[in-house]
Amino acid sequence: MRSILLIGSLMVCASLHAKQSLYDTIAQLDTQLFSAANAGQLDRVMDYFSNDLEFYHDTGGLGDYQQTRNSLQQMFASPHHPTRTLVEGSMAVYPIQDFGAIQTGKHRFCHEENGKQDCGTFDFVHIWQHTPEGWKIRRVVSYGH
């Protein structure tokens, strides 16, 4: 009986460790992605997206990789382009077996307009795929605008 409990406990610990490791990986990728976005580094940002990206935006519609690139390029050209911060404590990460992870959360975007900060907080879902080239976002759902 003790060995069954020990094995069960070890399996639970291993599962929790794997989930924490995945969470830490996605959190680090999120930080890197939006550090590049906040700095207006288009090529670096686009490296995080899969070539078959689908970007669903509740007010902007459906976009693909090239449309997303074009939108970001136009946005980054503005001297007051929006910057993003992840809302502390809002991020959750769920594994997708043999594929990658689902990341959910809330983020706050701010930009200067007429000399004042204009900010909004919105919901997002990122579907990350672990590929031989590294982690890539295949799907984005951005809503609550």
N, C-alpha and C. Protein backbone atom coordinates (compact mmCIF):
# COMPACT_ATOMS: atom_id res chain seq x y z
N MET A 1 0.82 -1.19 0.00
CA MET A 1 0.00 0.00 0.00
C MET A 1 0.86 1.26 0.00
N ARG A 2 1.93 1.24 0.80
CA ARG A 2 2.81 2.41 0.85
C ARG A 2 3.44 2.70 -0.51
N SER A 3 3.83 1.65 -1.21
CA SER A 3 4.47 1.86 -2.51
C SER A 3 3.50 2.45 -3.52
N ILE A 4 2.23 2.08 -3.43
CA ILE A 4 1.23 2.65 -4.33
C ILE A 4 1.05 4.14 -4.02
N LEU A 5 0.98 4.48 -2.74
CA LEU A 5 0.87 5.88 -2.35
C LEU A 5 2.10 6.68 -2.77
N LEU A 6 3.28 6.08 -2.61
CA LEU A 6 4.52 6.74 -2.99
C LEU A 6 4.56 6.99 -4.49
N ILE A 7 4.20 5.99 -5.27
CA ILE A 7 4.20 6.14 -6.73
C ILE A 7 3.18 7.20 -7.14
N GLY A 8 2.00 7.17 -6.53
CA GLY A 8 0.98 8.18 -6.82
C GLY A 8 1.47 9.57 -6.48
N SER A 9 2.10 9.71 -5.33
CA SER A 9 2.64 11.02 -4.92
C SER A 9 3.70 11.51 -5.88
N LEU A 10 4.59 10.61 -6.31
CA LEU A 10 5.64 10.98 -7.26
C LEU A 10 5.05 11.41 -8.59
N MET A 11 4.01 10.72 -9.04
CA MET A 11 3.37 11.08 -10.30
C MET A 11 2.72 12.46 -10.21
N VAL A 12 2.07 12.76 -9.10
CA VAL A 12 1.45 14.07 -8.91
C VAL A 12 2.53 15.15 -8.89
N CYS A 13 3.63 14.89 -8.18
CA CYS A 13 4.73 15.87 -8.12
C CYS A 13 5.33 16.10 -9.50
N ALA A 14 5.52 15.03 -10.27
CA ALA A 14 6.09 15.16 -11.62
C ALA A 14 5.15 15.96 -12.52
N SER A 15 3.85 15.72 -12.40
CA SER A 15 2.88 16.45 -13.20
C SER A 15 2.87 17.93 -12.84
N LEU A 16 2.90 18.23 -11.55
CA LEU A 16 2.93 19.63 -11.12
C LEU A 16 4.21 20.33 -11.58
N HIS A 17 5.33 19.62 -11.52
CA HIS A 17 6.60 20.19 -11.97
C HIS A 17 6.54 20.48 -13.48
N ALA A 18 5.99 19.55 -14.25
CA ALA A 18 5.89 19.74 -15.70
C ALA A 18 5.00 20.94 -16.02
N LYS A 19 3.88 21.08 -15.31
CA LYS A 19 2.98 22.21 -15.55
C LYS A 19 3.65 23.53 -15.17
N GLN A 20 4.39 23.54 -14.07
CA GLN A 20 5.09 24.76 -13.66
C GLN A 20 6.18 25.11 -14.67
N SER A 21 6.87 24.11 -15.16
CA SER A 21 7.92 24.33 -16.16
C SER A 21 7.32 24.92 -17.45
N LEU A 22 6.18 24.37 -17.88
CA LEU A 22 5.51 24.89 -19.07
C LEU A 22 5.06 26.32 -18.83
N TYR A 23 4.48 26.58 -17.66
CA TYR A 23 4.05 27.93 -17.31
C TYR A 23 5.23 28.90 -17.39
N ASP A 24 6.36 28.51 -16.80
CA ASP A 24 7.55 29.37 -16.80
C ASP A 24 8.05 29.63 -18.22
N THR A 25 8.01 28.60 -19.07
CA THR A 25 8.45 28.75 -20.46
C THR A 25 7.58 29.75 -21.21
N ILE A 26 6.27 29.58 -21.10
CA ILE A 26 5.34 30.48 -21.80
C ILE A 26 5.43 31.89 -21.23
N ALA A 27 5.57 32.02 -19.92
CA ALA A 27 5.72 33.36 -19.32
C ALA A 27 6.96 34.06 -19.85
N GLN A 28 8.05 33.31 -19.99
CA GLN A 28 9.29 33.89 -20.52
C GLN A 28 9.10 34.30 -21.98
N LEU A 29 8.44 33.46 -22.78
CA LEU A 29 8.19 33.79 -24.18
C LEU A 29 7.29 35.03 -24.29
N ASP A 30 6.28 35.11 -23.44
CA ASP A 30 5.39 36.26 -23.43
C ASP A 30 6.18 37.54 -23.15
N THR A 31 7.05 37.48 -22.16
CA THR A 31 7.88 38.64 -21.82
C THR A 31 8.77 39.05 -22.99
N GLN A 32 9.40 38.07 -23.63
CA GLN A 32 10.28 38.36 -24.77
C GLN A 32 9.51 38.95 -25.95
N LEU A 33 8.36 38.34 -26.25
CA LEU A 33 7.53 38.82 -27.36
C LEU A 33 7.13 40.27 -27.16
N PHE A 34 6.63 40.59 -25.98
CA PHE A 34 6.11 41.94 -25.79
C PHE A 34 7.19 42.94 -25.45
N SER A 35 8.36 42.50 -25.03
CA SER A 35 9.50 43.42 -24.93
C SER A 35 9.87 43.90 -26.33
N ALA A 36 9.88 42.96 -27.27
CA ALA A 36 10.18 43.31 -28.67
C ALA A 36 9.07 44.20 -29.24
N ALA A 37 7.81 43.87 -28.95
CA ALA A 37 6.70 44.68 -29.46
C ALA A 37 6.74 46.09 -28.88
N ASN A 38 6.98 46.20 -27.59
CA ASN A 38 7.03 47.52 -26.96
C ASN A 38 8.17 48.37 -27.52
N ALA A 39 9.24 47.70 -27.98
CA ALA A 39 10.37 48.39 -28.58
C ALA A 39 10.19 48.63 -30.07
N GLY A 40 9.07 48.13 -30.63
CA GLY A 40 8.80 48.32 -32.06
C GLY A 40 9.70 47.49 -32.97
N GLN A 41 10.17 46.35 -32.51
CA GLN A 41 11.08 45.49 -33.28
C GLN A 41 10.27 44.46 -34.08
N LEU A 42 9.84 44.88 -35.26
CA LEU A 42 8.92 44.09 -36.07
C LEU A 42 9.44 42.69 -36.39
N ASP A 43 10.64 42.57 -36.92
CA ASP A 43 11.16 41.26 -37.31
C ASP A 43 11.26 40.32 -36.10
N ARG A 44 11.69 40.87 -34.99
CA ARG A 44 11.80 40.05 -33.78
C ARG A 44 10.42 39.59 -33.31
N VAL A 45 9.43 40.47 -33.37
CA VAL A 45 8.06 40.09 -32.99
C VAL A 45 7.55 38.99 -33.90
N MET A 46 7.74 39.16 -35.19
CA MET A 46 7.20 38.19 -36.15
C MET A 46 7.84 36.81 -36.02
N ASP A 47 9.04 36.73 -35.45
CA ASP A 47 9.69 35.44 -35.22
C ASP A 47 8.90 34.56 -34.25
N TYR A 48 8.04 35.16 -33.45
CA TYR A 48 7.25 34.40 -32.48
C TYR A 48 5.98 33.81 -33.09
N PHE A 49 5.64 34.24 -34.30
CA PHE A 49 4.41 33.78 -34.95
C PHE A 49 4.70 32.73 -36.01
N SER A 50 3.82 31.76 -36.09
CA SER A 50 3.87 30.74 -37.13
C SER A 50 3.48 31.36 -38.46
N ASN A 51 4.02 30.83 -39.54
CA ASN A 51 3.67 31.33 -40.88
C ASN A 51 2.19 31.13 -41.19
N ASP A 52 1.55 30.15 -40.54
CA ASP A 52 0.12 29.93 -40.79
C ASP A 52 -0.75 30.56 -39.68
N LEU A 53 -0.27 31.66 -39.12
CA LEU A 53 -0.97 32.36 -38.06
C LEU A 53 -2.40 32.71 -38.46
N GLU A 54 -3.30 32.53 -37.50
CA GLU A 54 -4.66 33.06 -37.60
C GLU A 54 -4.84 33.96 -36.39
N PHE A 55 -5.18 35.22 -36.63
CA PHE A 55 -5.32 36.22 -35.57
C PHE A 55 -6.77 36.70 -35.58
N TYR A 56 -7.52 36.29 -34.56
CA TYR A 56 -8.93 36.64 -34.43
C TYR A 56 -9.05 37.83 -33.48
N HIS A 57 -9.61 38.93 -33.98
CA HIS A 57 -9.76 40.15 -33.20
C HIS A 57 -11.24 40.53 -33.24
N ASP A 58 -11.84 40.73 -32.08
CA ASP A 58 -13.29 40.94 -32.04
C ASP A 58 -13.76 42.15 -32.83
N THR A 59 -12.96 43.20 -32.92
CA THR A 59 -13.39 44.36 -33.71
C THR A 59 -12.65 44.48 -35.04
N GLY A 60 -11.52 43.79 -35.18
CA GLY A 60 -10.72 43.87 -36.40
C GLY A 60 -10.91 42.71 -37.36
N GLY A 61 -11.56 41.66 -36.92
CA GLY A 61 -11.80 40.51 -37.78
C GLY A 61 -10.66 39.51 -37.74
N LEU A 62 -10.59 38.71 -38.79
CA LEU A 62 -9.59 37.65 -38.91
C LEU A 62 -8.41 38.13 -39.75
N GLY A 63 -7.20 37.92 -39.24
CA GLY A 63 -6.00 38.26 -39.98
C GLY A 63 -5.06 37.07 -40.07
N ASP A 64 -4.18 37.11 -41.04
CA ASP A 64 -3.17 36.06 -41.18
C ASP A 64 -1.79 36.65 -40.86
N TYR A 65 -0.76 35.89 -41.12
CA TYR A 65 0.61 36.32 -40.81
C TYR A 65 0.95 37.64 -41.49
N GLN A 66 0.71 37.74 -42.80
CA GLN A 66 1.10 38.94 -43.54
C GLN A 66 0.27 40.15 -43.11
N GLN A 67 -1.02 39.96 -42.88
CA GLN A 67 -1.86 41.06 -42.43
C GLN A 67 -1.42 41.55 -41.05
N THR A 68 -1.05 40.60 -40.18
CA THR A 68 -0.57 40.96 -38.85
C THR A 68 0.73 41.73 -38.96
N ARG A 69 1.63 41.27 -39.82
CA ARG A 69 2.89 41.97 -40.03
C ARG A 69 2.64 43.41 -40.52
N ASN A 70 1.76 43.55 -41.50
CA ASN A 70 1.45 44.87 -42.05
C ASN A 70 0.85 45.79 -40.98
N SER A 71 -0.06 45.26 -40.18
CA SER A 71 -0.69 46.06 -39.11
C SER A 71 0.34 46.50 -38.08
N LEU A 72 1.22 45.57 -37.68
CA LEU A 72 2.24 45.92 -36.70
C LEU A 72 3.24 46.92 -37.26
N GLN A 73 3.60 46.74 -38.52
CA GLN A 73 4.54 47.68 -39.15
C GLN A 73 3.96 49.09 -39.15
N GLN A 74 2.70 49.21 -39.48
CA GLN A 74 2.04 50.51 -39.48
C GLN A 74 1.96 51.07 -38.06
N MET A 75 1.62 50.20 -37.10
CA MET A 75 1.51 50.65 -35.71
C MET A 75 2.86 51.09 -35.16
N PHE A 76 3.93 50.32 -35.45
CA PHE A 76 5.26 50.64 -34.93
C PHE A 76 5.82 51.92 -35.55
N ALA A 77 5.30 52.31 -36.69
CA ALA A 77 5.77 53.54 -37.34
C ALA A 77 5.32 54.79 -36.58
N SER A 78 4.31 54.65 -35.75
CA SER A 78 3.83 55.79 -34.96
C SER A 78 4.77 56.03 -33.79
N PRO A 79 5.13 57.29 -33.54
CA PRO A 79 6.03 57.56 -32.41
C PRO A 79 5.38 57.24 -31.06
N HIS A 80 4.06 57.14 -31.02
CA HIS A 80 3.36 56.85 -29.78
C HIS A 80 2.60 55.53 -29.89
N HIS A 81 3.28 54.50 -30.45
CA HIS A 81 2.57 53.23 -30.60
C HIS A 81 2.27 52.62 -29.23
N PRO A 82 1.21 51.83 -29.15
CA PRO A 82 0.83 51.26 -27.86
C PRO A 82 1.91 50.36 -27.27
N THR A 83 1.98 50.38 -25.95
CA THR A 83 2.84 49.45 -25.23
C THR A 83 1.94 48.54 -24.40
N ARG A 84 2.43 47.35 -24.16
CA ARG A 84 1.62 46.33 -23.51
C ARG A 84 2.26 45.87 -22.22
N THR A 85 1.42 45.69 -21.22
CA THR A 85 1.84 45.03 -19.98
C THR A 85 0.84 43.93 -19.68
N LEU A 86 1.34 42.81 -19.21
CA LEU A 86 0.50 41.71 -18.78
C LEU A 86 -0.09 42.06 -17.43
N VAL A 87 -1.38 41.87 -17.26
CA VAL A 87 -2.01 42.13 -15.97
C VAL A 87 -1.55 41.06 -14.99
N GLU A 88 -0.92 41.52 -13.93
CA GLU A 88 -0.33 40.60 -12.96
C GLU A 88 -1.39 39.63 -12.41
N GLY A 89 -1.02 38.35 -12.41
CA GLY A 89 -1.89 37.31 -11.87
C GLY A 89 -2.97 36.82 -12.82
N SER A 90 -3.03 37.38 -14.04
CA SER A 90 -4.11 37.01 -14.97
C SER A 90 -3.75 35.85 -15.89
N MET A 91 -2.48 35.53 -16.02
CA MET A 91 -2.07 34.53 -17.00
C MET A 91 -2.29 33.12 -16.48
N ALA A 92 -2.81 32.27 -17.35
CA ALA A 92 -2.92 30.84 -17.09
C ALA A 92 -2.37 30.11 -18.31
N VAL A 93 -1.79 28.93 -18.07
CA VAL A 93 -1.21 28.12 -19.15
C VAL A 93 -1.71 26.69 -18.99
N TYR A 94 -2.16 26.12 -20.11
CA TYR A 94 -2.68 24.76 -20.12
C TYR A 94 -1.96 23.96 -21.20
N PRO A 95 -1.47 22.77 -20.88
CA PRO A 95 -0.77 21.98 -21.90
C PRO A 95 -1.74 21.42 -22.94
N ILE A 96 -1.26 21.31 -24.16
CA ILE A 96 -1.96 20.60 -25.23
C ILE A 96 -1.07 19.42 -25.57
N GLN A 97 -1.52 18.23 -25.27
CA GLN A 97 -0.71 17.04 -25.44
C GLN A 97 -0.17 16.92 -26.87
N ASP A 98 1.13 16.65 -26.96
CA ASP A 98 1.82 16.44 -28.24
C ASP A 98 1.71 17.63 -29.20
N PHE A 99 1.48 18.83 -28.67
CA PHE A 99 1.38 20.00 -29.53
C PHE A 99 2.04 21.22 -28.91
N GLY A 100 1.56 21.64 -27.74
CA GLY A 100 2.08 22.87 -27.17
C GLY A 100 1.30 23.31 -25.96
N ALA A 101 0.75 24.53 -26.03
CA ALA A 101 0.09 25.10 -24.86
C ALA A 101 -0.94 26.15 -25.25
N ILE A 102 -1.91 26.32 -24.36
CA ILE A 102 -2.88 27.41 -24.44
C ILE A 102 -2.49 28.41 -23.36
N GLN A 103 -2.36 29.66 -23.75
CA GLN A 103 -2.08 30.74 -22.81
C GLN A 103 -3.28 31.68 -22.81
N THR A 104 -3.80 31.97 -21.64
CA THR A 104 -4.89 32.94 -21.51
C THR A 104 -4.47 34.04 -20.55
N GLY A 105 -5.11 35.18 -20.66
CA GLY A 105 -4.81 36.25 -19.73
C GLY A 105 -5.46 37.55 -20.11
N LYS A 106 -5.06 38.56 -19.40
CA LYS A 106 -5.49 39.93 -19.67
C LYS A 106 -4.24 40.79 -19.85
N HIS A 107 -4.31 41.70 -20.80
CA HIS A 107 -3.20 42.62 -20.96
C HIS A 107 -3.73 44.03 -21.14
N ARG A 108 -2.86 44.96 -20.77
CA ARG A 108 -3.20 46.38 -20.80
C ARG A 108 -2.33 47.06 -21.85
N PHE A 109 -2.99 47.76 -22.76
CA PHE A 109 -2.29 48.52 -23.78
C PHE A 109 -2.50 50.00 -23.51
N CYS A 110 -1.42 50.77 -23.61
CA CYS A 110 -1.48 52.21 -23.40
C CYS A 110 -0.74 52.92 -24.53
N HIS A 111 -1.27 54.05 -24.93
CA HIS A 111 -0.59 54.93 -25.88
C HIS A 111 -0.93 56.37 -25.53
N GLU A 112 -0.09 57.25 -26.00
CA GLU A 112 -0.32 58.67 -25.74
C GLU A 112 -1.24 59.23 -26.81
N GLU A 113 -2.26 59.95 -26.36
CA GLU A 113 -3.17 60.61 -27.29
C GLU A 113 -3.50 61.98 -26.72
N ASN A 114 -3.24 63.01 -27.50
CA ASN A 114 -3.48 64.40 -27.07
C ASN A 114 -2.78 64.71 -25.75
N GLY A 115 -1.56 64.20 -25.61
CA GLY A 115 -0.76 64.48 -24.44
C GLY A 115 -1.13 63.70 -23.19
N LYS A 116 -2.08 62.76 -23.31
CA LYS A 116 -2.52 61.97 -22.16
C LYS A 116 -2.41 60.48 -22.49
N GLN A 117 -2.22 59.68 -21.44
CA GLN A 117 -2.20 58.24 -21.61
C GLN A 117 -3.63 57.72 -21.82
N ASP A 118 -3.81 56.93 -22.87
CA ASP A 118 -5.09 56.28 -23.16
C ASP A 118 -4.83 54.79 -23.04
N CYS A 119 -5.50 54.12 -22.10
CA CYS A 119 -5.23 52.71 -21.81
C CYS A 119 -6.51 51.89 -21.85
N GLY A 120 -6.34 50.63 -22.17
CA GLY A 120 -7.45 49.68 -22.13
C GLY A 120 -6.93 48.31 -21.75
N THR A 121 -7.77 47.54 -21.06
CA THR A 121 -7.42 46.18 -20.65
C THR A 121 -8.30 45.21 -21.42
N PHE A 122 -7.66 44.20 -22.02
CA PHE A 122 -8.35 43.29 -22.92
C PHE A 122 -7.95 41.84 -22.62
N ASP A 123 -8.79 40.91 -23.05
CA ASP A 123 -8.55 39.47 -22.88
C ASP A 123 -7.85 38.91 -24.11
N PHE A 124 -7.07 37.85 -23.89
CA PHE A 124 -6.40 37.20 -25.01
C PHE A 124 -6.25 35.70 -24.77
N VAL A 125 -6.13 34.98 -25.87
CA VAL A 125 -5.78 33.56 -25.88
C VAL A 125 -4.71 33.39 -26.95
N HIS A 126 -3.60 32.75 -26.59
CA HIS A 126 -2.56 32.39 -27.55
C HIS A 126 -2.45 30.86 -27.57
N ILE A 127 -2.44 30.31 -28.75
CA ILE A 127 -2.20 28.87 -28.91
C ILE A 127 -0.76 28.74 -29.40
N TRP A 128 0.09 28.19 -28.53
CA TRP A 128 1.52 28.01 -28.82
C TRP A 128 1.77 26.59 -29.29
N GLN A 129 2.58 26.46 -30.34
CA GLN A 129 3.01 25.14 -30.81
C GLN A 129 4.51 25.01 -30.57
N HIS A 130 4.90 23.87 -30.02
CA HIS A 130 6.33 23.60 -29.83
C HIS A 130 6.82 22.90 -31.10
N THR A 131 7.60 23.61 -31.90
CA THR A 131 8.08 23.11 -33.19
C THR A 131 9.58 22.82 -33.10
N PRO A 132 10.14 22.16 -34.10
CA PRO A 132 11.60 21.97 -34.11
C PRO A 132 12.37 23.30 -34.12
N GLU A 133 11.74 24.37 -34.62
CA GLU A 133 12.37 25.69 -34.65
C GLU A 133 12.16 26.45 -33.35
N GLY A 134 11.39 25.90 -32.42
CA GLY A 134 11.08 26.57 -31.16
C GLY A 134 9.59 26.78 -31.02
N TRP A 135 9.22 27.57 -30.03
CA TRP A 135 7.82 27.85 -29.76
C TRP A 135 7.30 28.92 -30.70
N LYS A 136 6.12 28.68 -31.30
CA LYS A 136 5.49 29.62 -32.23
C LYS A 136 4.02 29.77 -31.88
N ILE A 137 3.51 30.98 -32.00
CA ILE A 137 2.08 31.20 -31.80
C ILE A 137 1.37 30.90 -33.11
N ARG A 138 0.43 29.94 -33.07
CA ARG A 138 -0.34 29.58 -34.26
C ARG A 138 -1.66 30.33 -34.33
N ARG A 139 -2.26 30.57 -33.16
CA ARG A 139 -3.56 31.23 -33.13
C ARG A 139 -3.56 32.28 -32.03
N VAL A 140 -4.19 33.42 -32.34
CA VAL A 140 -4.40 34.48 -31.37
C VAL A 140 -5.88 34.80 -31.37
N VAL A 141 -6.46 34.93 -30.19
CA VAL A 141 -7.81 35.41 -30.03
C VAL A 141 -7.72 36.61 -29.09
N SER A 142 -8.12 37.78 -29.60
CA SER A 142 -8.03 39.02 -28.83
C SER A 142 -9.43 39.61 -28.77
N TYR A 143 -9.95 39.82 -27.55
CA TYR A 143 -11.35 40.24 -27.43
C TYR A 143 -11.57 41.10 -26.19
N GLY A 144 -12.75 41.66 -26.15
CA GLY A 144 -13.12 42.53 -25.04
C GLY A 144 -12.78 43.99 -25.28
N HIS A 145 -12.65 44.37 -26.56
CA HIS A 145 -12.28 45.73 -26.92
C HIS A 145 -13.49 46.65 -26.91
